[in-house]
Amino acid sequence: MLAQRLMWIVWPAFLMAGVLEVLVFAFVDPQDMHWMGQPIELSRQGVYTVSFFVFWVLTCASSALTVLLSKSPLEVNG
């Protein structure tokens, strides 16, 4: 059951991270990005990779919250 719930969280989050990656970088050039006033020292591919994992973690948190809220009170408190 744990593996099934994990896939309910990870798979939709993976798909949405890919969608977010495409949407964001259709409008933003990674070479124009700055962090705390300094240009980012990563290559374009590095920025794409790091941002994909950031998007994936954020959407995993969203999916995990959905799975948690779908549980009955007995499952949560039990």
N, C-alpha and C. Protein backbone atom coordinates (compact mmCIF):
# COMPACT_ATOMS: atom_id res chain seq x y z
N MET A 1 0.83 -1.19 0.00
CA MET A 1 0.00 0.00 0.00
C MET A 1 0.88 1.26 0.00
N LEU A 2 2.02 1.19 0.69
CA LEU A 2 2.92 2.34 0.73
C LEU A 2 3.48 2.66 -0.65
N ALA A 3 3.84 1.62 -1.40
CA ALA A 3 4.36 1.83 -2.76
C ALA A 3 3.30 2.47 -3.65
N GLN A 4 2.06 2.05 -3.50
CA GLN A 4 0.97 2.61 -4.30
C GLN A 4 0.77 4.09 -3.96
N ARG A 5 0.77 4.43 -2.70
CA ARG A 5 0.61 5.84 -2.30
C ARG A 5 1.80 6.68 -2.76
N LEU A 6 2.98 6.10 -2.70
CA LEU A 6 4.16 6.81 -3.16
C LEU A 6 4.04 7.13 -4.66
N MET A 7 3.53 6.19 -5.43
CA MET A 7 3.34 6.45 -6.86
C MET A 7 2.23 7.46 -7.10
N TRP A 8 1.23 7.52 -6.24
CA TRP A 8 0.18 8.55 -6.35
C TRP A 8 0.79 9.94 -6.15
N ILE A 9 1.86 10.00 -5.42
CA ILE A 9 2.53 11.28 -5.14
C ILE A 9 3.57 11.60 -6.21
N VAL A 10 4.44 10.66 -6.50
CA VAL A 10 5.62 10.94 -7.33
C VAL A 10 5.30 11.06 -8.82
N TRP A 11 4.45 10.19 -9.34
CA TRP A 11 4.20 10.19 -10.79
C TRP A 11 3.49 11.47 -11.26
N PRO A 12 2.38 11.89 -10.66
CA PRO A 12 1.77 13.15 -11.11
C PRO A 12 2.70 14.35 -10.89
N ALA A 13 3.48 14.32 -9.82
CA ALA A 13 4.42 15.41 -9.56
C ALA A 13 5.49 15.46 -10.64
N PHE A 14 5.96 14.31 -11.09
CA PHE A 14 6.95 14.25 -12.17
C PHE A 14 6.38 14.86 -13.45
N LEU A 15 5.16 14.48 -13.79
CA LEU A 15 4.54 15.00 -15.00
C LEU A 15 4.34 16.52 -14.92
N MET A 16 3.88 17.00 -13.79
CA MET A 16 3.66 18.45 -13.65
C MET A 16 4.97 19.22 -13.60
N ALA A 17 6.02 18.63 -13.04
CA ALA A 17 7.33 19.29 -13.05
C ALA A 17 7.80 19.48 -14.49
N GLY A 18 7.56 18.48 -15.33
CA GLY A 18 7.91 18.61 -16.74
C GLY A 18 7.12 19.71 -17.43
N VAL A 19 5.84 19.79 -17.13
CA VAL A 19 5.00 20.85 -17.71
C VAL A 19 5.47 22.22 -17.23
N LEU A 20 5.73 22.35 -15.95
CA LEU A 20 6.22 23.63 -15.42
C LEU A 20 7.55 24.03 -16.05
N GLU A 21 8.42 23.06 -16.24
CA GLU A 21 9.72 23.32 -16.86
C GLU A 21 9.53 23.93 -18.25
N VAL A 22 8.64 23.32 -19.04
CA VAL A 22 8.40 23.81 -20.40
C VAL A 22 7.79 25.20 -20.36
N LEU A 23 6.80 25.41 -19.48
CA LEU A 23 6.13 26.71 -19.41
C LEU A 23 7.07 27.82 -18.96
N VAL A 24 7.84 27.57 -17.94
CA VAL A 24 8.73 28.60 -17.40
C VAL A 24 9.81 28.96 -18.42
N PHE A 25 10.46 27.95 -18.97
CA PHE A 25 11.60 28.24 -19.83
C PHE A 25 11.20 28.54 -21.27
N ALA A 26 9.91 28.54 -21.55
CA ALA A 26 9.45 29.09 -22.83
C ALA A 26 9.54 30.61 -22.80
N PHE A 27 9.52 31.19 -21.59
CA PHE A 27 9.53 32.64 -21.44
C PHE A 27 10.79 33.19 -20.77
N VAL A 28 11.57 32.34 -20.11
CA VAL A 28 12.73 32.79 -19.35
C VAL A 28 13.99 32.14 -19.91
N ASP A 29 14.99 32.95 -20.19
CA ASP A 29 16.29 32.43 -20.62
C ASP A 29 17.16 32.21 -19.38
N PRO A 30 17.64 30.99 -19.16
CA PRO A 30 18.44 30.71 -17.96
C PRO A 30 19.68 31.60 -17.83
N GLN A 31 20.24 32.07 -18.93
CA GLN A 31 21.43 32.91 -18.87
C GLN A 31 21.11 34.32 -18.37
N ASP A 32 19.84 34.71 -18.38
CA ASP A 32 19.43 36.03 -17.89
C ASP A 32 19.03 36.01 -16.42
N MET A 33 19.06 34.84 -15.79
CA MET A 33 18.61 34.72 -14.41
C MET A 33 19.70 35.16 -13.43
N HIS A 34 19.26 35.74 -12.31
CA HIS A 34 20.17 36.18 -11.24
C HIS A 34 19.66 35.63 -9.91
N TRP A 35 20.59 35.40 -9.00
CA TRP A 35 20.26 34.96 -7.64
C TRP A 35 20.96 35.90 -6.68
N MET A 36 20.18 36.64 -5.91
CA MET A 36 20.67 37.62 -4.94
C MET A 36 21.60 38.64 -5.61
N GLY A 37 21.19 39.09 -6.78
CA GLY A 37 21.92 40.12 -7.49
C GLY A 37 23.10 39.64 -8.32
N GLN A 38 23.42 38.38 -8.24
CA GLN A 38 24.56 37.81 -8.97
C GLN A 38 24.04 36.88 -10.08
N PRO A 39 24.70 36.89 -11.24
CA PRO A 39 24.28 35.94 -12.29
C PRO A 39 24.53 34.51 -11.83
N ILE A 40 23.67 33.62 -12.26
CA ILE A 40 23.80 32.20 -11.90
C ILE A 40 24.97 31.62 -12.68
N GLU A 41 25.84 30.90 -11.98
CA GLU A 41 27.08 30.39 -12.57
C GLU A 41 26.92 29.03 -13.26
N LEU A 42 25.69 28.56 -13.39
CA LEU A 42 25.46 27.26 -14.02
C LEU A 42 25.23 27.42 -15.52
N SER A 43 25.46 26.35 -16.25
CA SER A 43 25.14 26.35 -17.67
C SER A 43 23.61 26.31 -17.83
N ARG A 44 23.15 26.50 -19.05
CA ARG A 44 21.70 26.41 -19.29
C ARG A 44 21.17 25.05 -18.85
N GLN A 45 21.88 24.00 -19.23
CA GLN A 45 21.44 22.66 -18.87
C GLN A 45 21.42 22.47 -17.35
N GLY A 46 22.38 23.04 -16.66
CA GLY A 46 22.41 22.97 -15.20
C GLY A 46 21.21 23.66 -14.58
N VAL A 47 20.86 24.83 -15.11
CA VAL A 47 19.68 25.55 -14.61
C VAL A 47 18.42 24.75 -14.87
N TYR A 48 18.32 24.16 -16.07
CA TYR A 48 17.15 23.33 -16.39
C TYR A 48 17.04 22.16 -15.42
N THR A 49 18.17 21.53 -15.13
CA THR A 49 18.17 20.36 -14.25
C THR A 49 17.78 20.73 -12.82
N VAL A 50 18.42 21.75 -12.28
CA VAL A 50 18.12 22.18 -10.90
C VAL A 50 16.67 22.62 -10.79
N SER A 51 16.20 23.40 -11.75
CA SER A 51 14.83 23.88 -11.67
C SER A 51 13.83 22.73 -11.80
N PHE A 52 14.13 21.73 -12.63
CA PHE A 52 13.23 20.58 -12.73
C PHE A 52 13.08 19.90 -11.37
N PHE A 53 14.20 19.69 -10.67
CA PHE A 53 14.11 19.02 -9.37
C PHE A 53 13.42 19.90 -8.33
N VAL A 54 13.60 21.20 -8.40
CA VAL A 54 12.87 22.11 -7.50
C VAL A 54 11.37 22.01 -7.78
N PHE A 55 10.99 22.06 -9.06
CA PHE A 55 9.58 21.92 -9.42
C PHE A 55 9.04 20.57 -8.97
N TRP A 56 9.84 19.52 -9.11
CA TRP A 56 9.39 18.19 -8.73
C TRP A 56 9.17 18.10 -7.22
N VAL A 57 10.06 18.66 -6.43
CA VAL A 57 9.89 18.64 -4.97
C VAL A 57 8.64 19.41 -4.57
N LEU A 58 8.43 20.57 -5.18
CA LEU A 58 7.25 21.37 -4.84
C LEU A 58 5.95 20.67 -5.22
N THR A 59 5.92 20.06 -6.39
CA THR A 59 4.70 19.36 -6.79
C THR A 59 4.54 18.05 -6.02
N CYS A 60 5.64 17.45 -5.57
CA CYS A 60 5.53 16.28 -4.68
C CYS A 60 4.88 16.67 -3.35
N ALA A 61 5.25 17.82 -2.84
CA ALA A 61 4.65 18.30 -1.60
C ALA A 61 3.15 18.51 -1.78
N SER A 62 2.76 19.06 -2.91
CA SER A 62 1.35 19.27 -3.20
C SER A 62 0.60 17.94 -3.30
N SER A 63 1.18 16.98 -4.03
CA SER A 63 0.55 15.67 -4.16
C SER A 63 0.48 14.94 -2.82
N ALA A 64 1.52 15.07 -2.02
CA ALA A 64 1.54 14.42 -0.70
C ALA A 64 0.45 15.00 0.20
N LEU A 65 0.26 16.29 0.12
CA LEU A 65 -0.80 16.92 0.90
C LEU A 65 -2.17 16.42 0.45
N THR A 66 -2.36 16.25 -0.85
CA THR A 66 -3.61 15.71 -1.36
C THR A 66 -3.85 14.30 -0.86
N VAL A 67 -2.82 13.46 -0.87
CA VAL A 67 -2.97 12.09 -0.38
C VAL A 67 -3.26 12.10 1.12
N LEU A 68 -2.60 12.95 1.86
CA LEU A 68 -2.86 13.05 3.30
C LEU A 68 -4.30 13.48 3.58
N LEU A 69 -4.77 14.46 2.85
CA LEU A 69 -6.13 14.95 3.07
C LEU A 69 -7.20 13.97 2.61
N SER A 70 -6.83 13.01 1.75
CA SER A 70 -7.81 12.02 1.29
C SER A 70 -7.97 10.88 2.27
N LYS A 71 -7.10 10.77 3.27
CA LYS A 71 -7.19 9.71 4.27
C LYS A 71 -8.34 10.00 5.23
N SER A 72 -8.89 8.93 5.78
CA SER A 72 -9.92 9.10 6.81
C SER A 72 -9.24 9.46 8.13
N PRO A 73 -10.00 10.06 9.06
CA PRO A 73 -9.40 10.39 10.36
C PRO A 73 -8.84 9.18 11.09
N LEU A 74 -9.44 8.01 10.91
CA LEU A 74 -8.93 6.81 11.56
C LEU A 74 -7.56 6.40 11.02
N GLU A 75 -7.34 6.59 9.72
CA GLU A 75 -6.04 6.25 9.14
C GLU A 75 -4.97 7.21 9.63
N VAL A 76 -5.32 8.49 9.77
CA VAL A 76 -4.35 9.49 10.20
C VAL A 76 -4.01 9.33 11.68
N ASN A 77 -5.02 9.14 12.52
CA ASN A 77 -4.82 9.07 13.97
C ASN A 77 -4.54 7.66 14.47
N GLY A 78 -4.76 6.67 13.63
CA GLY A 78 -4.67 5.28 14.04
C GLY A 78 -3.29 4.84 14.20
